[in-house]
């Protein structure tokens, strides 16, 4: 398990100590230093989108946000979302919002990012389709890897709110590669909920 130094301190406070072998339970702990961004949301996009670069020998990856816990066998997840559908990239539709404008309004309402930066990003895109990016199942194929790199580039260019740039990235991929198929499986959010359990982020206790 890769954790940054801040997360390691949090684990220590919660009495989840690393043993003499460097493990917490079944997990080997690797502390990541010199993060590429001071914005931890953006830093988290590196393993989210670039797992094929971090683990070049891997053939598949499953991304789940920290608020989720898997309660299904990873091999069954690959079979259900990729192999059975003949897909190489699987992501769910958003459970509530269905266009980028709705996502823009919600991000502003919750003050998730600078409003001007969100406006600039929306004016650049103005496309529909919003995914729920907390659960992504990928085969590390050339087109899947290219899509992930293009999506990461948009997060790097604008805000960390990756839902805003999903449709634009997909259309850009198709324009760049009109002769190559990209097998995308956008499944219903109820399927994501059947494979994972949601744990709400804990609110910080004010002093």
Protein backbone atom coordinates (compact mmCIF):
# COMPACT_ATOMS: atom_id res chain seq x y z
CA UNK A 1 0.00 0.00 0.00
CA UNK A 2 1.43 3.36 -1.05
CA UNK A 3 0.83 6.19 1.41
CA UNK A 4 2.18 9.71 1.74
CA UNK A 5 3.78 10.98 4.93
CA UNK A 6 0.63 12.80 6.06
CA UNK A 7 -1.44 9.62 5.73
CA UNK A 8 1.25 7.68 7.59
CA UNK A 9 0.99 10.11 10.51
CA UNK A 10 -2.79 9.69 10.50
CA UNK A 11 -2.45 5.90 10.60
CA UNK A 12 -0.04 6.18 13.52
CA UNK A 13 -2.51 8.38 15.44
CA UNK A 14 -5.16 5.71 14.87
CA UNK A 15 -2.77 3.11 16.33
CA UNK A 16 -2.24 1.32 13.02
CA UNK A 17 1.48 0.83 13.49
CA UNK A 18 3.80 -0.66 10.91
CA UNK A 19 5.33 -3.89 12.19
CA UNK A 20 9.03 -4.85 12.05
CA UNK A 21 8.57 -6.23 8.51
CA UNK A 22 7.05 -2.96 7.25
CA UNK A 23 3.46 -4.27 7.14
CA UNK A 24 0.10 -3.15 8.48
CA UNK A 25 -1.94 -6.34 8.49
CA UNK A 26 -1.61 -7.89 5.01
CA UNK A 27 -0.37 -4.67 3.41
CA UNK A 28 3.27 -3.85 2.75
CA UNK A 29 3.60 -0.11 3.42
CA UNK A 30 5.57 2.07 1.00
CA UNK A 31 5.88 5.74 1.97
CA UNK A 32 5.78 8.07 -1.06
CA UNK A 33 7.83 11.28 -0.79
CA UNK A 34 8.32 14.33 -3.01
CA UNK A 35 4.74 14.40 -4.27
CA UNK A 36 4.32 16.17 -7.63
CA UNK A 37 1.60 18.54 -6.35
CA UNK A 38 0.95 20.36 -3.09
CA UNK A 39 -2.77 19.85 -3.83
CA UNK A 40 -3.31 16.34 -2.49
CA UNK A 41 -6.39 15.88 -4.69
CA UNK A 42 -4.22 16.37 -7.75
CA UNK A 43 -1.44 14.19 -6.36
CA UNK A 44 -3.99 11.39 -6.02
CA UNK A 45 -4.70 11.56 -9.76
CA UNK A 46 -1.26 10.14 -10.53
CA UNK A 47 -2.04 6.58 -9.34
CA UNK A 48 -5.66 6.98 -10.42
CA UNK A 49 -4.87 7.61 -14.10
CA UNK A 50 -1.26 6.51 -14.56
CA UNK A 51 -1.25 3.07 -12.96
CA UNK A 52 0.06 1.63 -16.24
CA UNK A 53 3.12 3.91 -15.87
CA UNK A 54 3.64 3.12 -12.18
CA UNK A 55 3.23 -0.64 -12.68
CA UNK A 56 4.26 -1.30 -16.31
CA UNK A 57 4.19 -5.10 -15.92
CA UNK A 58 0.55 -5.12 -14.79
CA UNK A 59 -2.22 -6.04 -17.23
CA UNK A 60 -5.19 -4.69 -15.27
CA UNK A 61 -5.95 -2.20 -12.52
CA UNK A 62 -8.94 -1.34 -10.36
CA UNK A 63 -9.19 2.14 -8.86
CA UNK A 64 -11.40 2.79 -5.85
CA UNK A 65 -11.60 6.04 -3.92
CA UNK A 66 -10.69 6.05 -0.24
CA UNK A 67 -14.39 6.36 0.62
CA UNK A 68 -15.09 2.92 -0.90
CA UNK A 69 -14.30 -0.64 0.16
CA UNK A 70 -14.43 -3.60 -2.19
CA UNK A 71 -16.69 -6.45 -1.16
CA UNK A 72 -16.28 -8.53 -4.32
CA UNK A 73 -13.43 -10.65 -5.66
CA UNK A 74 -11.24 -8.49 -7.96
CA UNK A 75 -11.19 -11.26 -10.58
CA UNK A 76 -15.00 -11.29 -10.60
CA UNK A 77 -14.95 -7.50 -11.08
CA UNK A 78 -12.68 -7.87 -14.12
CA UNK A 79 -14.93 -10.60 -15.49
CA UNK A 80 -18.14 -8.63 -14.92
CA UNK A 81 -17.07 -5.21 -16.20
CA UNK A 82 -14.42 -6.04 -18.82
CA UNK A 83 -14.29 -9.61 -20.04
CA UNK A 84 -18.02 -10.27 -20.23
CA UNK A 85 -18.61 -6.98 -22.11
CA UNK A 86 -15.52 -7.13 -24.31
CA UNK A 87 -14.45 -3.78 -22.79
CA UNK A 88 -11.06 -2.35 -21.93
CA UNK A 89 -12.19 0.57 -19.74
CA UNK A 90 -15.18 0.56 -17.41
CA UNK A 91 -16.58 3.43 -15.37
CA UNK A 92 -20.06 4.10 -13.99
CA UNK A 93 -22.44 6.86 -14.87
CA UNK A 94 -22.81 9.42 -12.09
CA UNK A 95 -25.47 8.43 -9.56
CA UNK A 96 -27.11 11.87 -9.61
CA UNK A 97 -25.73 14.24 -12.24
CA UNK A 98 -25.93 13.67 -15.99
CA UNK A 99 -24.35 16.71 -17.62
CA UNK A 100 -21.25 18.80 -17.06
CA UNK A 101 -23.25 21.93 -16.13
CA UNK A 102 -24.86 20.08 -13.20
CA UNK A 103 -21.39 18.98 -12.09
CA UNK A 104 -20.12 22.57 -12.34
CA UNK A 105 -22.96 23.89 -10.17
CA UNK A 106 -22.45 21.18 -7.54
CA UNK A 107 -18.70 21.78 -7.35
CA UNK A 108 -19.34 25.49 -6.83
CA UNK A 109 -22.07 24.84 -4.28
CA UNK A 110 -19.69 22.70 -2.21
CA UNK A 111 -16.71 25.03 -2.81
CA UNK A 112 -14.64 22.09 -4.03
CA UNK A 113 -12.38 24.29 -6.14
CA UNK A 114 -11.81 27.91 -7.12
CA UNK A 115 -14.98 29.07 -8.93
CA UNK A 116 -13.10 30.98 -11.62
CA UNK A 117 -10.96 27.95 -12.43
CA UNK A 118 -14.10 25.80 -12.74
CA UNK A 119 -15.72 28.39 -15.04
CA UNK A 120 -12.63 28.49 -17.26
CA UNK A 121 -12.63 24.72 -17.51
CA UNK A 122 -16.34 24.56 -18.34
CA UNK A 123 -16.03 27.20 -21.07
CA UNK A 124 -13.22 25.17 -22.61
CA UNK A 125 -15.25 21.94 -22.65
CA UNK A 126 -19.03 22.42 -22.73
CA UNK A 127 -19.74 18.72 -23.27
CA UNK A 128 -22.20 16.30 -21.69
CA UNK A 129 -21.86 12.96 -19.86
CA UNK A 130 -20.54 12.82 -16.31
CA UNK A 131 -18.99 9.69 -14.79
CA UNK A 132 -18.73 8.65 -11.17
CA UNK A 133 -14.95 8.46 -11.03
CA UNK A 134 -14.60 6.68 -7.69
CA UNK A 135 -14.48 3.22 -9.29
CA UNK A 136 -12.56 2.48 -12.51
CA UNK A 137 -11.74 -0.94 -13.97
CA UNK A 138 -9.10 -1.01 -16.69
CA UNK A 139 -7.24 -3.34 -18.97
CA UNK A 140 -3.82 -1.85 -19.70
CA UNK A 141 -4.25 -1.83 -23.47
CA UNK A 142 -2.73 0.86 -25.74
CA UNK A 143 -6.04 2.72 -26.19
CA UNK A 144 -6.96 2.45 -22.51
CA UNK A 145 -3.54 3.76 -21.51
CA UNK A 146 -3.77 6.63 -24.00
CA UNK A 147 -7.21 7.60 -22.71
CA UNK A 148 -5.92 7.63 -19.13
CA UNK A 149 -2.92 9.78 -20.11
CA UNK A 150 -5.14 12.26 -21.99
CA UNK A 151 -7.52 12.45 -19.04
CA UNK A 152 -4.62 13.04 -16.65
CA UNK A 153 -3.37 15.84 -18.92
CA UNK A 154 -6.71 17.65 -18.52
CA UNK A 155 -6.60 17.29 -14.73
CA UNK A 156 -3.04 18.64 -14.79
CA UNK A 157 -4.07 21.54 -17.03
CA UNK A 158 -7.19 22.57 -15.10
CA UNK A 159 -8.74 21.46 -11.80
CA UNK A 160 -8.66 18.12 -9.99
CA UNK A 161 -12.40 17.66 -10.63
CA UNK A 162 -11.90 14.92 -13.21
CA UNK A 163 -15.62 14.42 -13.91
CA UNK A 164 -15.61 17.74 -15.77
CA UNK A 165 -13.11 16.60 -18.38
CA UNK A 166 -14.28 13.03 -19.02
CA UNK A 167 -16.46 13.65 -22.09
CA UNK A 168 -13.97 16.05 -23.66
CA UNK A 169 -11.17 13.51 -23.21
CA UNK A 170 -13.27 10.77 -24.78
CA UNK A 171 -14.09 12.91 -27.83
CA UNK A 172 -10.46 13.96 -28.14
CA UNK A 173 -9.38 10.31 -28.12
CA UNK A 174 -11.89 9.48 -30.86
CA UNK A 175 -10.76 12.44 -33.01
CA UNK A 176 -7.11 11.46 -32.62
CA UNK A 177 -7.77 7.78 -33.46
CA UNK A 178 -10.79 7.59 -35.80
CA UNK A 179 -9.76 4.19 -37.17
CA UNK A 180 -9.08 2.52 -33.81
CA UNK A 181 -11.77 1.05 -31.58
CA UNK A 182 -11.96 1.97 -27.90
CA UNK A 183 -14.18 -0.38 -25.94
CA UNK A 184 -15.66 1.73 -23.15
CA UNK A 185 -18.21 0.28 -20.73
CA UNK A 186 -20.19 3.01 -18.94
CA UNK A 187 -22.34 1.00 -16.56
CA UNK A 188 -25.14 1.98 -14.21
CA UNK A 189 -24.16 3.22 -10.78
CA UNK A 190 -26.18 0.47 -9.09
CA UNK A 191 -23.59 -2.00 -10.42
CA UNK A 192 -20.82 -0.03 -8.70
CA UNK A 193 -22.79 -0.08 -5.45
CA UNK A 194 -23.18 -3.85 -5.72
CA UNK A 195 -19.39 -4.26 -5.76
CA UNK A 196 -18.35 -1.67 -3.18
CA UNK A 197 -19.43 -0.29 0.16
CA UNK A 198 -19.42 3.45 0.80
CA UNK A 199 -17.78 4.91 3.88
CA UNK A 200 -18.41 8.64 4.20
CA UNK A 201 -15.39 10.90 4.60
CA UNK A 202 -14.96 11.90 8.21
CA UNK A 203 -15.41 15.58 9.04
CA UNK A 204 -12.45 17.24 10.72
CA UNK A 205 -13.11 18.02 14.38
CA UNK A 206 -12.72 21.75 14.94
CA UNK A 207 -10.61 22.76 17.97
